[in-house]
Amino acid sequence: MVKRIIVAFLALAVVGFIGYRASVNYRAKKAAANRPLAEKIVPVQTTSPQSRTFVDTIKASGNVQADSEVTLYSKVPGKIAQNNVKMGTVITPGMTVAVVDRDEIGYLFNAYEVKSNVKGVVSRVLQNPGALVGPSTPLMTLVDIDIVKAVAAVDELKIRFVRMGQPVKVRLQAYPGEIFNARVTNISPVGNPVSRTIDVEVSIPNAGHRAKPGMYAEAEFEQGQHSGLVLPIVAVVDRAGRKYVFFAADGKAVMKEVTTGAVTGDMIEITSGLDGSETIITTGADKLENNDKINVVKS
């Protein structure tokens, strides 16, 4: 009997202790729930939109071509006795490029010298010594690349902005970051009805022969200029594919949707949504929600 009383007493003590702890935890949670949350104040920096002049451009791509390409032939039949040149040889007018042996059974001829009547660089040697050639057999091709051309396909809706002699900036994929200065030297009189483009030829001075026929080129034509507002890129945030900025008003961040344009360095053009009088949040914009309280910190 005494043993049962002791067991019951211990059970009641355990239950009482558990209840006490539960009560303490409940009161602590309730007090925490009723305690006011710390106010969220985001430190930010601000700026004002700046006005800037933008150059509108037209971009079109094409391939580099030689200023001219010539194929040399022998005027007489015979056998190639020797080639005096190889790929990359610089040719001047009157230079002997190959010798043709005209010997035939029963006849004796002097060797015939094949001379070039143009300047250029040998791009291909088509016949080796010992090859039989005739007046219709091509021996080699020469290209003149002191000036090269790029033929770019310009959108027909933009062709009215392109004129003869217009300066053009050309970028070659082979030389990242470099600009080659060129000028418009020809505009096709017809358009492509499939691509809706018109071929425009630009000529590029190429004294060092760095630009080579076949290279990929992108030509940039100036279309005009316009003025616009710019902001640091960090001021523009992307939310669900739409662009927003926050402007500071009465100690709060107010969200405003904008549309953007060209990016120049660390600045981005704002094409609509602002009038230039706003105080725009830059640093800290990515941490904000609409109507968050802010603390403007000077940089």
C-alpha atoms as a PDB file:
ATOM      1  CA  MET A   1       0.000   0.000   0.000  1.00  0.00           C
ATOM      2  CA  VAL A   2       2.779   2.421   0.954  1.00  0.00           C
ATOM      3  CA  LYS A   3       4.617   1.545  -2.266  1.00  0.00           C
ATOM      4  CA  ARG A   4       1.538   2.430  -4.318  1.00  0.00           C
ATOM      5  CA  ILE A   5       1.220   5.780  -2.568  1.00  0.00           C
ATOM      6  CA  ILE A   6       4.872   6.590  -3.297  1.00  0.00           C
ATOM      7  CA  VAL A   7       4.487   5.703  -6.979  1.00  0.00           C
ATOM      8  CA  ALA A   8       1.347   7.823  -7.279  1.00  0.00           C
ATOM      9  CA  PHE A   9       3.078  10.739  -5.584  1.00  0.00           C
ATOM     10  CA  LEU A  10       6.017  10.563  -7.962  1.00  0.00           C
ATOM     11  CA  ALA A  11       3.696  10.394 -10.962  1.00  0.00           C
ATOM     12  CA  LEU A  12       1.827  13.498  -9.764  1.00  0.00           C
ATOM     13  CA  ALA A  13       5.129  15.294  -9.241  1.00  0.00           C
ATOM     14  CA  VAL A  14       6.286  14.531 -12.782  1.00  0.00           C
ATOM     15  CA  VAL A  15       2.955  15.626 -14.263  1.00  0.00           C
ATOM     16  CA  GLY A  16       3.061  18.810 -12.194  1.00  0.00           C
ATOM     17  CA  PHE A  17       6.607  19.619 -13.330  1.00  0.00           C
ATOM     18  CA  ILE A  18       5.715  19.090 -16.987  1.00  0.00           C
ATOM     19  CA  GLY A  19       2.671  21.320 -16.605  1.00  0.00           C
ATOM     20  CA  TYR A  20       4.741  24.016 -14.937  1.00  0.00           C
ATOM     21  CA  ARG A  21       7.328  24.020 -17.726  1.00  0.00           C
ATOM     22  CA  ALA A  22       4.588  24.154 -20.360  1.00  0.00           C
ATOM     23  CA  SER A  23       3.023  27.128 -18.589  1.00  0.00           C
ATOM     24  CA  VAL A  24       6.356  28.963 -18.431  1.00  0.00           C
ATOM     25  CA  ASN A  25       7.041  28.343 -22.136  1.00  0.00           C
ATOM     26  CA  TYR A  26       3.544  29.491 -23.102  1.00  0.00           C
ATOM     27  CA  ARG A  27       3.919  32.745 -21.145  1.00  0.00           C
ATOM     28  CA  ALA A  28       7.344  33.372 -22.728  1.00  0.00           C
ATOM     29  CA  LYS A  29       6.026  32.830 -26.258  1.00  0.00           C
ATOM     30  CA  LYS A  30       3.020  35.062 -25.603  1.00  0.00           C
ATOM     31  CA  ALA A  31       5.257  37.808 -24.269  1.00  0.00           C
ATOM     32  CA  ALA A  32       7.524  37.535 -27.329  1.00  0.00           C
ATOM     33  CA  ALA A  33       4.525  37.685 -29.647  1.00  0.00           C
ATOM     34  CA  ASN A  34       3.264  40.842 -27.953  1.00  0.00           C
ATOM     35  CA  ARG A  35       6.684  42.501 -27.960  1.00  0.00           C
ATOM     36  CA  PRO A  36       6.916  45.168 -30.749  1.00  0.00           C
ATOM     37  CA  LEU A  37       9.235  44.175 -33.646  1.00  0.00           C
ATOM     38  CA  ALA A  38      12.356  46.198 -34.353  1.00  0.00           C
ATOM     39  CA  GLU A  39      11.598  48.723 -37.095  1.00  0.00           C
ATOM     40  CA  LYS A  40      13.228  47.987 -40.491  1.00  0.00           C
ATOM     41  CA  ILE A  41      15.210  50.972 -41.708  1.00  0.00           C
ATOM     42  CA  VAL A  42      17.410  50.416 -44.745  1.00  0.00           C
ATOM     43  CA  PRO A  43      20.556  52.553 -45.198  1.00  0.00           C
ATOM     44  CA  VAL A  44      20.737  53.869 -48.782  1.00  0.00           C
ATOM     45  CA  GLN A  45      22.549  56.340 -51.007  1.00  0.00           C
ATOM     46  CA  THR A  46      20.842  58.533 -53.564  1.00  0.00           C
ATOM     47  CA  THR A  47      21.490  60.457 -56.777  1.00  0.00           C
ATOM     48  CA  SER A  48      19.595  62.486 -59.362  1.00  0.00           C
ATOM     49  CA  PRO A  49      19.115  61.468 -63.016  1.00  0.00           C
ATOM     50  CA  GLN A  50      21.661  63.058 -65.344  1.00  0.00           C
ATOM     51  CA  SER A  51      21.042  64.298 -68.867  1.00  0.00           C
ATOM     52  CA  ARG A  52      23.263  62.831 -71.574  1.00  0.00           C
ATOM     53  CA  THR A  53      23.479  62.921 -75.372  1.00  0.00           C
ATOM     54  CA  PHE A  54      23.278  59.522 -77.041  1.00  0.00           C
ATOM     55  CA  VAL A  55      24.496  58.594 -80.516  1.00  0.00           C
ATOM     56  CA  ASP A  56      21.987  56.402 -82.343  1.00  0.00           C
ATOM     57  CA  THR A  57      23.680  53.802 -84.528  1.00  0.00           C
ATOM     58  CA  ILE A  58      22.861  51.237 -87.179  1.00  0.00           C
ATOM     59  CA  LYS A  59      24.739  47.951 -87.009  1.00  0.00           C
ATOM     60  CA  ALA A  60      25.123  45.549 -89.907  1.00  0.00           C
ATOM     61  CA  SER A  61      27.417  42.606 -90.453  1.00  0.00           C
ATOM     62  CA  GLY A  62      29.267  41.207 -93.422  1.00  0.00           C
ATOM     63  CA  ASN A  63      32.566  39.755 -94.598  1.00  0.00           C
ATOM     64  CA  VAL A  64      35.851  41.398 -95.532  1.00  0.00           C
ATOM     65  CA  GLN A  65      36.749  41.286 -99.222  1.00  0.00           C
ATOM     66  CA  ALA A  66      39.875  42.242-101.148  1.00  0.00           C
ATOM     67  CA  ASP A  67      39.770  45.519-103.051  1.00  0.00           C
ATOM     68  CA  SER A  68      40.499  43.467-106.162  1.00  0.00           C
ATOM     69  CA  GLU A  69      41.359  39.868-107.073  1.00  0.00           C
ATOM     70  CA  VAL A  70      43.187  38.841-110.224  1.00  0.00           C
ATOM     71  CA  THR A  71      43.983  35.413-111.686  1.00  0.00           C
ATOM     72  CA  LEU A  72      47.177  35.110-113.746  1.00  0.00           C
ATOM     73  CA  TYR A  73      47.505  32.868-116.822  1.00  0.00           C
ATOM     74  CA  SER A  74      50.278  31.872-119.216  1.00  0.00           C
ATOM     75  CA  LYS A  75      49.790  33.179-122.738  1.00  0.00           C
ATOM     76  CA  VAL A  76      51.511  30.104-124.182  1.00  0.00           C
ATOM     77  CA  PRO A  77      51.178  26.342-123.631  1.00  0.00           C
ATOM     78  CA  GLY A  78      53.970  24.442-121.964  1.00  0.00           C
ATOM     79  CA  LYS A  79      55.224  23.065-118.686  1.00  0.00           C
ATOM     80  CA  ILE A  80      55.841  25.017-115.478  1.00  0.00           C
ATOM     81  CA  ALA A  81      59.619  25.209-115.121  1.00  0.00           C
ATOM     82  CA  GLN A  82      59.564  27.187-111.892  1.00  0.00           C
ATOM     83  CA  ASN A  83      57.397  29.333-109.664  1.00  0.00           C
ATOM     84  CA  ASN A  84      59.134  32.481-108.461  1.00  0.00           C
ATOM     85  CA  VAL A  85      56.559  33.244-105.805  1.00  0.00           C
ATOM     86  CA  LYS A  86      54.612  31.583-103.015  1.00  0.00           C
ATOM     87  CA  MET A  87      51.539  32.358-100.966  1.00  0.00           C
ATOM     88  CA  GLY A  88      51.977  35.744 -99.298  1.00  0.00           C
ATOM     89  CA  THR A  89      54.573  37.099-101.752  1.00  0.00           C
ATOM     90  CA  VAL A  90      54.070  40.802-102.474  1.00  0.00           C
ATOM     91  CA  ILE A  91      53.882  41.397-106.229  1.00  0.00           C
ATOM     92  CA  THR A  92      54.663  44.580-108.150  1.00  0.00           C
ATOM     93  CA  PRO A  93      53.688  45.282-111.782  1.00  0.00           C
ATOM     94  CA  GLY A  94      56.141  43.724-114.266  1.00  0.00           C
ATOM     95  CA  MET A  95      57.462  41.130-111.818  1.00  0.00           C
ATOM     96  CA  THR A  96      58.111  37.615-113.215  1.00  0.00           C
ATOM     97  CA  VAL A  97      56.008  35.203-111.212  1.00  0.00           C
ATOM     98  CA  ALA A  98      56.593  31.943-113.135  1.00  0.00           C
ATOM     99  CA  VAL A  99      58.577  30.459-116.013  1.00  0.00           C
ATOM    100  CA  VAL A 100      56.981  28.176-118.639  1.00  0.00           C
ATOM    101  CA  ASP A 101      59.105  25.725-120.703  1.00  0.00           C
ATOM    102  CA  ARG A 102      57.747  25.767-124.286  1.00  0.00           C
ATOM    103  CA  ASP A 103      59.946  22.970-125.698  1.00  0.00           C
ATOM    104  CA  GLU A 104      58.170  20.718-128.166  1.00  0.00           C
ATOM    105  CA  ILE A 105      59.508  17.806-130.215  1.00  0.00           C
ATOM    106  CA  GLY A 106      61.259  19.211-133.278  1.00  0.00           C
ATOM    107  CA  TYR A 107      61.101  22.817-132.035  1.00  0.00           C
ATOM    108  CA  LEU A 108      63.191  24.920-129.671  1.00  0.00           C
ATOM    109  CA  PHE A 109      61.670  27.899-127.854  1.00  0.00           C
ATOM    110  CA  ASN A 110      63.010  30.281-125.280  1.00  0.00           C
ATOM    111  CA  ALA A 111      61.454  29.922-121.840  1.00  0.00           C
ATOM    112  CA  TYR A 112      58.383  32.127-121.445  1.00  0.00           C
ATOM    113  CA  GLU A 113      58.229  34.421-118.441  1.00  0.00           C
ATOM    114  CA  VAL A 114      54.812  34.976-116.928  1.00  0.00           C
ATOM    115  CA  LYS A 115      54.685  38.557-115.641  1.00  0.00           C
ATOM    116  CA  SER A 116      52.117  40.276-113.491  1.00  0.00           C
ATOM    117  CA  ASN A 117      50.611  43.491-114.792  1.00  0.00           C
ATOM    118  CA  VAL A 118      49.108  44.408-111.381  1.00  0.00           C
ATOM    119  CA  LYS A 119      50.254  44.813-107.794  1.00  0.00           C
ATOM    120  CA  GLY A 120      48.993  42.586-105.012  1.00  0.00           C
ATOM    121  CA  VAL A 121      49.736  39.680-102.725  1.00  0.00           C
ATOM    122  CA  VAL A 122      49.716  36.040-103.823  1.00  0.00           C
ATOM    123  CA  SER A 123      46.723  34.379-102.191  1.00  0.00           C
ATOM    124  CA  ARG A 124      46.988  31.000-103.958  1.00  0.00           C
ATOM    125  CA  VAL A 125      49.507  29.215-106.182  1.00  0.00           C
ATOM    126  CA  LEU A 126      47.474  26.832-108.310  1.00  0.00           C
ATOM    127  CA  GLN A 127      50.152  24.979-110.340  1.00  0.00           C
ATOM    128  CA  ASN A 128      53.357  23.253-109.272  1.00  0.00           C
ATOM    129  CA  PRO A 129      56.574  22.930-111.332  1.00  0.00           C
ATOM    130  CA  GLY A 130      56.164  20.207-113.983  1.00  0.00           C
ATOM    131  CA  ALA A 131      52.449  20.872-114.487  1.00  0.00           C
ATOM    132  CA  LEU A 132      51.250  21.232-118.077  1.00  0.00           C
ATOM    133  CA  VAL A 133      49.500  24.546-118.609  1.00  0.00           C
ATOM    134  CA  GLY A 134      47.814  26.444-121.413  1.00  0.00           C
ATOM    135  CA  PRO A 135      46.291  29.864-121.970  1.00  0.00           C
ATOM    136  CA  SER A 136      43.144  28.802-120.133  1.00  0.00           C
ATOM    137  CA  THR A 137      44.960  27.280-117.137  1.00  0.00           C
ATOM    138  CA  PRO A 138      44.972  29.513-114.027  1.00  0.00           C
ATOM    139  CA  LEU A 139      48.435  29.737-112.475  1.00  0.00           C
ATOM    140  CA  MET A 140      47.840  31.820-109.337  1.00  0.00           C
ATOM    141  CA  THR A 141      45.590  34.466-107.829  1.00  0.00           C
ATOM    142  CA  LEU A 142      46.618  37.871-106.498  1.00  0.00           C
ATOM    143  CA  VAL A 143      44.656  40.076-104.123  1.00  0.00           C
ATOM    144  CA  ASP A 144      45.080  43.787-103.500  1.00  0.00           C
ATOM    145  CA  ILE A 145      44.492  44.312 -99.765  1.00  0.00           C
ATOM    146  CA  ASP A 146      46.104  47.703 -99.161  1.00  0.00           C
ATOM    147  CA  ILE A 147      42.449  48.680 -98.940  1.00  0.00           C
ATOM    148  CA  VAL A 148      39.819  46.074 -98.090  1.00  0.00           C
ATOM    149  CA  LYS A 149      36.060  46.211 -98.316  1.00  0.00           C
ATOM    150  CA  ALA A 150      33.321  44.986 -96.041  1.00  0.00           C
ATOM    151  CA  VAL A 151      29.902  44.506 -97.587  1.00  0.00           C
ATOM    152  CA  ALA A 152      27.263  44.881 -94.870  1.00  0.00           C
ATOM    153  CA  ALA A 153      23.560  44.124 -95.217  1.00  0.00           C
ATOM    154  CA  VAL A 154      21.676  47.172 -93.866  1.00  0.00           C
ATOM    155  CA  ASP A 155      17.996  46.983 -92.910  1.00  0.00           C
ATOM    156  CA  GLU A 156      15.950  48.695 -95.627  1.00  0.00           C
ATOM    157  CA  LEU A 157      14.149  50.733 -92.950  1.00  0.00           C
ATOM    158  CA  LYS A 158      17.494  52.294 -91.974  1.00  0.00           C
ATOM    159  CA  ILE A 159      19.067  52.785 -95.407  1.00  0.00           C
ATOM    160  CA  ARG A 160      17.876  56.417 -95.560  1.00  0.00           C
ATOM    161  CA  PHE A 161      20.429  57.231 -92.858  1.00  0.00           C
ATOM    162  CA  VAL A 162      23.369  55.882 -94.918  1.00  0.00           C
ATOM    163  CA  ARG A 163      25.122  58.125 -97.442  1.00  0.00           C
ATOM    164  CA  MET A 164      28.173  57.953 -99.693  1.00  0.00           C
ATOM    165  CA  GLY A 165      31.396  58.978 -97.949  1.00  0.00           C
ATOM    166  CA  GLN A 166      29.882  58.561 -94.492  1.00  0.00           C
ATOM    167  CA  PRO A 167      32.409  57.610 -91.770  1.00  0.00           C
ATOM    168  CA  VAL A 168      31.884  54.091 -90.418  1.00  0.00           C
ATOM    169  CA  LYS A 169      33.312  52.209 -87.454  1.00  0.00           C
ATOM    170  CA  VAL A 170      34.206  48.614 -88.267  1.00  0.00           C
ATOM    171  CA  ARG A 171      34.912  45.905 -85.715  1.00  0.00           C
ATOM    172  CA  LEU A 172      36.544  42.633 -86.714  1.00  0.00           C
ATOM    173  CA  GLN A 173      35.868  39.509 -84.692  1.00  0.00           C
ATOM    174  CA  ALA A 174      39.552  38.643 -85.043  1.00  0.00           C
ATOM    175  CA  TYR A 175      40.591  41.796 -83.132  1.00  0.00           C
ATOM    176  CA  PRO A 176      38.283  42.222 -80.112  1.00  0.00           C
ATOM    177  CA  GLY A 177      38.016  45.772 -78.794  1.00  0.00           C
ATOM    178  CA  GLU A 178      39.666  47.402 -81.826  1.00  0.00           C
ATOM    179  CA  ILE A 179      37.930  49.844 -84.165  1.00  0.00           C
ATOM    180  CA  PHE A 180      38.895  50.230 -87.832  1.00  0.00           C
ATOM    181  CA  ASN A 181      37.882  53.536 -89.404  1.00  0.00           C
ATOM    182  CA  ALA A 182      36.166  53.198 -92.771  1.00  0.00           C
ATOM    183  CA  ARG A 183      33.952  55.096 -95.222  1.00  0.00           C
ATOM    184  CA  VAL A 184      30.929  54.199 -97.332  1.00  0.00           C
ATOM    185  CA  THR A 185      32.126  53.730-100.931  1.00  0.00           C
ATOM    186  CA  ASN A 186      29.129  52.056-102.540  1.00  0.00           C
ATOM    187  CA  ILE A 187      25.422  51.475-101.916  1.00  0.00           C
ATOM    188  CA  SER A 188      23.621  48.796-103.881  1.00  0.00           C
ATOM    189  CA  PRO A 189      20.862  50.105-106.162  1.00  0.00           C
ATOM    190  CA  VAL A 190      18.686  47.083-105.352  1.00  0.00           C
ATOM    191  CA  GLY A 191      17.442  45.442-102.178  1.00  0.00           C
ATOM    192  CA  ASN A 192      17.138  41.813-101.119  1.00  0.00           C
ATOM    193  CA  PRO A 193      13.411  40.946-101.151  1.00  0.00           C
ATOM    194  CA  VAL A 194      13.937  38.010 -98.801  1.00  0.00           C
ATOM    195  CA  SER A 195      16.031  39.592 -96.038  1.00  0.00           C
ATOM    196  CA  ARG A 196      14.707  43.145 -96.654  1.00  0.00           C
ATOM    197  CA  THR A 197      18.270  44.480 -96.604  1.00  0.00           C
ATOM    198  CA  ILE A 198      20.471  46.524 -98.927  1.00  0.00           C
ATOM    199  CA  ASP A 199      24.185  45.867 -99.371  1.00  0.00           C
ATOM    200  CA  VAL A 200      26.467  48.740 -98.371  1.00  0.00           C
ATOM    201  CA  GLU A 201      30.179  48.617 -99.200  1.00  0.00           C
ATOM    202  CA  VAL A 202      32.622  50.281 -96.811  1.00  0.00           C
ATOM    203  CA  SER A 203      36.331  50.642 -97.546  1.00  0.00           C
ATOM    204  CA  ILE A 204      38.937  50.151 -94.824  1.00  0.00           C
ATOM    205  CA  PRO A 205      42.561  51.366 -95.123  1.00  0.00           C
ATOM    206  CA  ASN A 206      44.721  48.296 -94.494  1.00  0.00           C
ATOM    207  CA  ALA A 207      48.378  49.243 -94.898  1.00  0.00           C
ATOM    208  CA  GLY A 208      49.513  46.583 -92.416  1.00  0.00           C
ATOM    209  CA  HIS A 209      47.355  43.886 -94.076  1.00  0.00           C
ATOM    210  CA  ARG A 210      45.842  42.957 -90.689  1.00  0.00           C
ATOM    211  CA  ALA A 211      42.327  42.784 -92.082  1.00  0.00           C
ATOM    212  CA  LYS A 212      42.122  39.761 -94.329  1.00  0.00           C
ATOM    213  CA  PRO A 213      39.504  38.725 -96.888  1.00  0.00           C
ATOM    214  CA  GLY A 214      36.963  36.359 -95.386  1.00  0.00           C
ATOM    215  CA  MET A 215      37.065  37.804 -91.867  1.00  0.00           C
ATOM    216  CA  TYR A 216      33.742  38.550 -90.150  1.00  0.00           C
ATOM    217  CA  ALA A 217      33.067  42.278 -89.757  1.00  0.00           C
ATOM    218  CA  GLU A 218      30.447  44.430 -88.041  1.00  0.00           C
ATOM    219  CA  ALA A 219      29.901  47.938 -89.404  1.00  0.00           C
ATOM    220  CA  GLU A 220      28.437  50.709 -87.252  1.00  0.00           C
ATOM    221  CA  PHE A 221      26.825  53.705 -88.991  1.00  0.00           C
ATOM    222  CA  GLU A 222      25.775  56.841 -87.117  1.00  0.00           C
ATOM    223  CA  GLN A 223      22.041  57.444 -87.500  1.00  0.00           C
ATOM    224  CA  GLY A 224      21.617  60.562 -85.355  1.00  0.00           C
ATOM    225  CA  GLN A 225      21.612  61.799 -81.772  1.00  0.00           C
ATOM    226  CA  HIS A 226      19.127  62.208 -78.951  1.00  0.00           C
ATOM    227  CA  SER A 227      19.160  63.420 -75.355  1.00  0.00           C
ATOM    228  CA  GLY A 228      18.051  61.254 -72.449  1.00  0.00           C
ATOM    229  CA  LEU A 229      18.310  60.583 -68.725  1.00  0.00           C
ATOM    230  CA  VAL A 230      20.809  58.156 -67.238  1.00  0.00           C
ATOM    231  CA  LEU A 231      21.228  56.502 -63.847  1.00  0.00           C
ATOM    232  CA  PRO A 232      23.831  54.176 -62.357  1.00  0.00           C
ATOM    233  CA  ILE A 233      22.942  50.594 -63.259  1.00  0.00           C
ATOM    234  CA  VAL A 234      22.706  49.694 -59.541  1.00  0.00           C
ATOM    235  CA  ALA A 235      19.673  51.990 -59.236  1.00  0.00           C
ATOM    236  CA  VAL A 236      17.569  49.798 -61.538  1.00  0.00           C
ATOM    237  CA  VAL A 237      16.128  46.581 -60.111  1.00  0.00           C
ATOM    238  CA  ASP A 238      14.442  43.751 -61.951  1.00  0.00           C
ATOM    239  CA  ARG A 239      11.260  42.325 -60.482  1.00  0.00           C
ATOM    240  CA  ALA A 240       9.521  39.577 -62.452  1.00  0.00           C
ATOM    241  CA  GLY A 241      11.042  40.790 -65.703  1.00  0.00           C
ATOM    242  CA  ARG A 242      10.045  44.441 -65.227  1.00  0.00           C
ATOM    243  CA  LYS A 243      12.371  47.339 -64.429  1.00  0.00           C
ATOM    244  CA  TYR A 244      11.904  49.570 -61.363  1.00  0.00           C
ATOM    245  CA  VAL A 245      13.683  52.310 -59.463  1.00  0.00           C
ATOM    246  CA  PHE A 246      13.057  53.600 -55.945  1.00  0.00           C
ATOM    247  CA  PHE A 247      12.892  57.309 -55.215  1.00  0.00           C
ATOM    248  CA  ALA A 248      13.213  58.783 -51.755  1.00  0.00           C
ATOM    249  CA  ALA A 249      10.129  60.588 -50.436  1.00  0.00           C
ATOM    250  CA  ASP A 250       9.386  61.532 -46.807  1.00  0.00           C
ATOM    251  CA  GLY A 251      11.821  58.971 -45.421  1.00  0.00           C
ATOM    252  CA  LYS A 252      10.420  56.115 -47.494  1.00  0.00           C
ATOM    253  CA  ALA A 253      11.375  54.281 -50.666  1.00  0.00           C
ATOM    254  CA  VAL A 254       8.690  54.610 -53.327  1.00  0.00           C
ATOM    255  CA  MET A 255       8.771  52.099 -56.160  1.00  0.00           C
ATOM    256  CA  LYS A 256       8.419  53.362 -59.743  1.00  0.00           C
ATOM    257  CA  GLU A 257       8.356  51.344 -62.964  1.00  0.00           C
ATOM    258  CA  VAL A 258      10.637  52.578 -65.763  1.00  0.00           C
ATOM    259  CA  THR A 259      11.775  51.519 -69.213  1.00  0.00           C
ATOM    260  CA  THR A 260      15.467  51.391 -70.029  1.00  0.00           C
ATOM    261  CA  GLY A 261      17.626  51.877 -73.100  1.00  0.00           C
ATOM    262  CA  ALA A 262      21.316  51.850 -73.902  1.00  0.00           C
ATOM    263  CA  VAL A 263      23.967  50.854 -71.384  1.00  0.00           C
ATOM    264  CA  THR A 264      27.200  52.869 -71.392  1.00  0.00           C
ATOM    265  CA  GLY A 265      29.801  51.724 -68.890  1.00  0.00           C
ATOM    266  CA  ASP A 266      28.110  51.645 -65.478  1.00  0.00           C
ATOM    267  CA  MET A 267      25.251  53.951 -66.546  1.00  0.00           C
ATOM    268  CA  ILE A 268      21.902  53.021 -68.087  1.00  0.00           C
ATOM    269  CA  GLU A 269      19.486  55.145 -70.087  1.00  0.00           C
ATOM    270  CA  ILE A 270      15.970  55.687 -68.701  1.00  0.00           C
ATOM    271  CA  THR A 271      13.645  56.130 -71.671  1.00  0.00           C
ATOM    272  CA  SER A 272      10.395  56.621 -69.716  1.00  0.00           C
ATOM    273  CA  GLY A 273       9.081  56.800 -66.174  1.00  0.00           C
ATOM    274  CA  LEU A 274      11.162  59.724 -64.834  1.00  0.00           C
ATOM    275  CA  ASP A 275      11.241  63.461 -65.483  1.00  0.00           C
ATOM    276  CA  GLY A 276      14.690  64.118 -64.001  1.00  0.00           C
ATOM    277  CA  SER A 277      13.601  65.856 -60.810  1.00  0.00           C
ATOM    278  CA  GLU A 278      13.462  62.738 -58.627  1.00  0.00           C
ATOM    279  CA  THR A 279      15.934  61.695 -55.948  1.00  0.00           C
ATOM    280  CA  ILE A 280      16.744  58.119 -56.897  1.00  0.00           C
ATOM    281  CA  ILE A 281      18.115  55.454 -54.573  1.00  0.00           C
ATOM    282  CA  THR A 282      21.288  53.784 -55.835  1.00  0.00           C
ATOM    283  CA  THR A 283      23.194  51.768 -53.231  1.00  0.00           C
ATOM    284  CA  GLY A 284      20.723  49.628 -51.287  1.00  0.00           C
ATOM    285  CA  ALA A 285      18.023  49.599 -53.966  1.00  0.00           C
ATOM    286  CA  ASP A 286      18.245  45.833 -54.355  1.00  0.00           C
ATOM    287  CA  LYS A 287      17.291  45.356 -50.669  1.00  0.00           C
ATOM    288  CA  LEU A 288      14.132  47.487 -50.774  1.00  0.00           C
ATOM    289  CA  GLU A 289      10.427  46.880 -51.040  1.00  0.00           C
ATOM    290  CA  ASN A 290       7.828  49.537 -51.751  1.00  0.00           C
ATOM    291  CA  ASN A 291       7.336  51.973 -48.820  1.00  0.00           C
ATOM    292  CA  ASP A 292      10.270  50.636 -46.805  1.00  0.00           C
ATOM    293  CA  LYS A 293      11.676  53.206 -44.394  1.00  0.00           C
ATOM    294  CA  ILE A 294      15.117  54.432 -45.376  1.00  0.00           C
ATOM    295  CA  ASN A 295      18.085  56.252 -43.910  1.00  0.00           C
ATOM    296  CA  VAL A 296      19.946  58.280 -46.558  1.00  0.00           C
ATOM    297  CA  VAL A 297      23.688  57.975 -46.010  1.00  0.00           C
ATOM    298  CA  LYS A 298      26.077  60.334 -47.756  1.00  0.00           C
ATOM    299  CA  SER A 299      28.777  58.652 -49.795  1.00  0.00           C
END
